[in-house]
């Protein structure tokens, strides 16, 4: 998909990480309710990180029709069940019991990780309605990290990475991310300022800058934009 076929990032800037999580919870809840009203289930892939876990904790406090959502993981560290390094461990703590049957965990405890990746890929919807993505200080998203051969994978929807920060991972690849109807990026913290600038510019020198969903919404806090709490928000549609 070339740049002419993709939209620009829609940027929304809020005061802090809590405000970002609240806004994301509102958007996701609205998407789930809309799917329920149309008699179908929202297909949602979610990444790890403190802000999305807070988002799910806020969703758990609201009136959300969890029967109308199917959840997949964007990526996961290869670690035992219950390990605090696992995104799943934190996600299960944040999700209400009613949402857990909708979750499709990545099978990272399998001995044959390549076969596990193939099996997970076969479980994916043809096209996600919404993919939540985070942004690392080095410009990675999902577990698409600088220098990993997985960045060049085009024929598989799920792949096994090299070791990164102490763990190998399973990750969705660019083809499946790019097929999603919408990406929702949550970006918080001053350490993300350079990476966020590159993301908004769609700089292909960082992995996050190579994602090309038809619609892309970035919700960031002021710290990630390098702004003080009293600064005014930049206009939307950057990137």
Protein backbone atom coordinates (compact mmCIF):
# COMPACT_ATOMS: atom_id res chain seq x y z
CA UNK A 1 0.00 0.00 0.00
CA UNK A 2 1.57 3.30 -1.02
CA UNK A 3 1.22 6.66 0.72
CA UNK A 4 -1.52 7.84 -1.63
CA UNK A 5 -3.75 5.03 -0.34
CA UNK A 6 -3.34 5.84 3.35
CA UNK A 7 -4.61 8.65 5.50
CA UNK A 8 -2.54 10.99 7.58
CA UNK A 9 -2.31 10.53 11.32
CA UNK A 10 -5.12 12.20 13.25
CA UNK A 11 -3.45 13.67 16.32
CA UNK A 12 -5.11 14.40 19.64
CA UNK A 13 -3.07 15.80 22.53
CA UNK A 14 -4.21 15.51 26.15
CA UNK A 15 -2.69 16.59 29.43
CA UNK A 16 -1.32 13.33 30.80
CA UNK A 17 -1.29 9.53 30.60
CA UNK A 18 -4.50 9.22 32.64
CA UNK A 19 -6.34 11.49 30.22
CA UNK A 20 -4.99 9.43 27.29
CA UNK A 21 -6.22 6.20 28.88
CA UNK A 22 -9.65 7.72 29.58
CA UNK A 23 -10.00 8.99 26.02
CA UNK A 24 -8.93 5.63 24.60
CA UNK A 25 -11.42 3.83 26.85
CA UNK A 26 -14.21 6.07 25.56
CA UNK A 27 -13.26 5.40 21.94
CA UNK A 28 -12.98 1.64 22.38
CA UNK A 29 -16.23 1.45 24.35
CA UNK A 30 -17.96 3.40 21.59
CA UNK A 31 -16.60 1.06 18.94
CA UNK A 32 -17.77 -2.01 20.88
CA UNK A 33 -21.24 -0.53 21.38
CA UNK A 34 -21.49 0.31 17.68
CA UNK A 35 -20.55 -3.26 16.79
CA UNK A 36 -23.15 -4.59 19.23
CA UNK A 37 -25.82 -2.34 17.74
CA UNK A 38 -25.05 -3.74 14.29
CA UNK A 39 -25.25 -7.32 15.54
CA UNK A 40 -21.59 -8.23 15.20
CA UNK A 41 -18.40 -8.37 17.27
CA UNK A 42 -15.62 -5.79 17.09
CA UNK A 43 -12.29 -7.40 16.20
CA UNK A 44 -9.63 -5.72 18.32
CA UNK A 45 -5.90 -6.38 18.70
CA UNK A 46 -4.19 -4.89 21.74
CA UNK A 47 -0.57 -4.23 22.65
CA UNK A 48 0.98 -4.19 26.11
CA UNK A 49 1.93 -1.22 28.24
CA UNK A 50 0.71 0.70 31.27
CA UNK A 51 -1.59 3.06 29.36
CA UNK A 52 -3.63 0.34 27.59
CA UNK A 53 -3.87 -1.69 30.80
CA UNK A 54 -5.28 1.41 32.47
CA UNK A 55 -7.60 1.79 29.48
CA UNK A 56 -8.96 -1.72 30.04
CA UNK A 57 -9.32 -1.10 33.78
CA UNK A 58 -11.46 1.94 32.94
CA UNK A 59 -13.47 -0.09 30.43
CA UNK A 60 -14.08 -2.67 33.15
CA UNK A 61 -15.73 0.03 35.26
CA UNK A 62 -18.16 0.98 32.49
CA UNK A 63 -21.18 -0.56 30.82
CA UNK A 64 -19.55 -2.36 27.89
CA UNK A 65 -21.22 -5.18 25.92
CA UNK A 66 -18.27 -7.58 26.09
CA UNK A 67 -20.16 -10.19 24.08
CA UNK A 68 -19.62 -7.87 21.09
CA UNK A 69 -15.83 -7.93 21.02
CA UNK A 70 -13.12 -10.43 20.11
CA UNK A 71 -9.65 -9.66 21.45
CA UNK A 72 -6.28 -10.69 20.06
CA UNK A 73 -2.76 -9.79 21.12
CA UNK A 74 -0.53 -7.64 18.92
CA UNK A 75 2.58 -9.15 20.46
CA UNK A 76 3.78 -11.16 23.43
CA UNK A 77 7.04 -12.01 25.15
CA UNK A 78 8.13 -15.65 25.23
CA UNK A 79 7.79 -16.31 28.96
CA UNK A 80 5.88 -18.73 31.21
CA UNK A 81 2.20 -18.30 32.02
CA UNK A 82 1.75 -15.85 34.88
CA UNK A 83 5.16 -14.24 34.35
CA UNK A 84 5.02 -10.48 35.06
CA UNK A 85 6.84 -9.91 31.75
CA UNK A 86 3.85 -11.31 29.86
CA UNK A 87 1.41 -8.80 28.41
CA UNK A 88 -1.27 -11.42 29.03
CA UNK A 89 -0.60 -11.40 32.79
CA UNK A 90 -1.30 -7.69 33.02
CA UNK A 91 -4.19 -7.84 30.56
CA UNK A 92 -6.00 -10.52 32.56
CA UNK A 93 -5.67 -8.39 35.68
CA UNK A 94 -7.19 -5.38 33.90
CA UNK A 95 -9.99 -7.13 32.01
CA UNK A 96 -13.31 -7.81 33.70
CA UNK A 97 -14.32 -11.50 33.91
CA UNK A 98 -16.97 -10.98 31.23
CA UNK A 99 -14.29 -10.03 28.69
CA UNK A 100 -11.89 -12.92 29.26
CA UNK A 101 -13.72 -15.49 27.09
CA UNK A 102 -13.25 -13.11 24.15
CA UNK A 103 -9.45 -13.13 24.49
CA UNK A 104 -7.20 -15.10 22.14
CA UNK A 105 -3.78 -15.34 23.88
CA UNK A 106 -0.64 -15.78 21.82
CA UNK A 107 0.72 -19.34 22.36
CA UNK A 108 4.21 -18.32 23.47
CA UNK A 109 4.70 -21.30 25.77
CA UNK A 110 4.70 -23.76 22.87
CA UNK A 111 7.97 -25.53 22.21
CA UNK A 112 7.74 -24.92 18.45
CA UNK A 113 7.30 -21.16 18.21
CA UNK A 114 7.18 -21.07 14.42
CA UNK A 115 4.30 -23.55 14.40
CA UNK A 116 2.63 -21.55 17.19
CA UNK A 117 2.92 -18.38 15.10
CA UNK A 118 1.30 -20.14 12.13
CA UNK A 119 -1.53 -21.41 14.29
CA UNK A 120 -2.17 -17.97 15.76
CA UNK A 121 -2.12 -16.41 12.31
CA UNK A 122 -4.81 -18.88 11.22
CA UNK A 123 -7.03 -17.65 14.07
CA UNK A 124 -6.91 -13.99 13.05
CA UNK A 125 -9.83 -12.24 11.37
CA UNK A 126 -9.35 -11.38 7.71
CA UNK A 127 -9.15 -7.74 8.75
CA UNK A 128 -9.09 -6.19 12.22
CA UNK A 129 -11.56 -3.42 12.92
CA UNK A 130 -9.16 -1.75 15.33
CA UNK A 131 -5.54 -2.30 16.32
CA UNK A 132 -4.11 -0.62 19.39
CA UNK A 133 -0.42 0.19 19.03
CA UNK A 134 2.16 1.65 21.36
CA UNK A 135 5.43 3.37 20.58
CA UNK A 136 8.84 2.59 22.05
CA UNK A 137 11.52 5.17 22.71
CA UNK A 138 13.54 3.51 19.93
CA UNK A 139 10.64 3.78 17.48
CA UNK A 140 9.42 0.20 17.72
CA UNK A 141 5.77 -0.77 17.71
CA UNK A 142 4.24 -4.17 18.39
CA UNK A 143 7.47 -6.22 18.56
CA UNK A 144 8.67 -4.80 15.27
CA UNK A 145 12.00 -3.54 16.54
CA UNK A 146 14.93 -1.86 14.81
CA UNK A 147 17.18 -4.29 12.98
CA UNK A 148 15.03 -7.41 13.39
CA UNK A 149 14.57 -9.51 10.21
CA UNK A 150 10.84 -9.67 11.05
CA UNK A 151 10.60 -6.11 9.68
CA UNK A 152 10.96 -7.55 6.20
CA UNK A 153 8.38 -10.33 6.58
CA UNK A 154 5.60 -9.98 4.03
CA UNK A 155 4.26 -13.51 3.63
CA UNK A 156 3.31 -14.23 7.27
CA UNK A 157 0.86 -12.45 9.58
CA UNK A 158 2.58 -13.59 12.78
CA UNK A 159 6.32 -14.07 13.23
CA UNK A 160 8.90 -14.91 15.89
CA UNK A 161 11.42 -12.18 16.65
CA UNK A 162 15.02 -12.30 17.68
CA UNK A 163 15.77 -11.62 21.33
CA UNK A 164 14.96 -8.02 22.28
CA UNK A 165 15.52 -6.64 25.76
CA UNK A 166 15.93 -10.13 27.13
CA UNK A 167 13.04 -11.92 25.42
CA UNK A 168 12.04 -13.35 22.07
CA UNK A 169 8.50 -12.45 21.08
CA UNK A 170 5.61 -13.31 18.83
CA UNK A 171 4.31 -10.34 16.90
CA UNK A 172 1.82 -9.37 14.27
CA UNK A 173 3.63 -8.25 11.12
CA UNK A 174 3.14 -5.27 8.82
CA UNK A 175 0.74 -7.02 6.41
CA UNK A 176 -1.86 -7.73 9.09
CA UNK A 177 -1.42 -4.31 10.71
CA UNK A 178 -1.82 -2.58 7.36
CA UNK A 179 -5.06 -4.47 6.64
CA UNK A 180 -6.67 -3.16 9.83
CA UNK A 181 -9.42 -0.61 9.31
CA UNK A 182 -7.96 1.69 11.97
CA UNK A 183 -4.93 1.99 14.23
CA UNK A 184 -5.22 3.62 17.64
CA UNK A 185 -1.82 4.77 18.91
CA UNK A 186 -1.42 5.64 22.60
CA UNK A 187 1.81 7.54 23.26
CA UNK A 188 2.80 8.92 26.67
CA UNK A 189 5.96 10.16 28.35
CA UNK A 190 8.78 12.56 27.59
CA UNK A 191 11.04 9.71 26.49
CA UNK A 192 8.80 9.24 23.42
CA UNK A 193 9.26 12.78 22.06
CA UNK A 194 11.72 11.94 19.27
CA UNK A 195 9.95 8.71 18.32
CA UNK A 196 6.57 10.46 18.22
CA UNK A 197 7.93 13.20 15.98
CA UNK A 198 9.18 10.52 13.60
CA UNK A 199 5.91 8.61 13.76
CA UNK A 200 3.88 11.70 12.88
CA UNK A 201 6.24 12.34 9.97
CA UNK A 202 5.78 8.69 8.93
CA UNK A 203 9.53 8.32 8.96
CA UNK A 204 10.35 4.84 7.61
CA UNK A 205 13.67 4.81 9.45
CA UNK A 206 11.78 3.69 12.57
CA UNK A 207 9.57 0.57 12.57
CA UNK A 208 6.49 2.49 13.71
CA UNK A 209 6.83 4.87 10.78
CA UNK A 210 6.29 2.02 8.34
CA UNK A 211 2.77 1.10 9.51
CA UNK A 212 0.23 2.08 6.86
CA UNK A 213 -3.35 1.56 8.06
CA UNK A 214 -6.14 3.30 6.12
CA UNK A 215 -6.98 5.35 9.22
CA UNK A 216 -4.59 6.19 12.04
CA UNK A 217 -5.45 8.04 15.25
CA UNK A 218 -2.66 9.11 17.61
CA UNK A 219 -3.57 10.09 21.16
CA UNK A 220 -0.57 11.53 22.99
CA UNK A 221 0.07 13.37 26.21
CA UNK A 222 1.80 16.73 26.33
CA UNK A 223 5.01 15.22 27.66
CA UNK A 224 5.37 13.10 24.52
CA UNK A 225 5.01 16.26 22.43
CA UNK A 226 7.67 18.01 24.53
CA UNK A 227 5.10 20.45 25.86
CA UNK A 228 4.49 21.82 29.31
CA UNK A 229 1.06 21.41 30.91
CA UNK A 230 -0.03 24.90 29.86
CA UNK A 231 0.86 24.63 26.18
CA UNK A 232 -1.84 24.60 23.53
CA UNK A 233 -2.56 21.51 21.45
CA UNK A 234 -1.23 21.36 17.90
CA UNK A 235 -3.83 20.90 15.17
CA UNK A 236 -4.97 17.39 14.28
CA UNK A 237 -4.09 15.62 11.05
CA UNK A 238 -0.32 15.80 11.43
CA UNK A 239 1.94 13.30 9.71
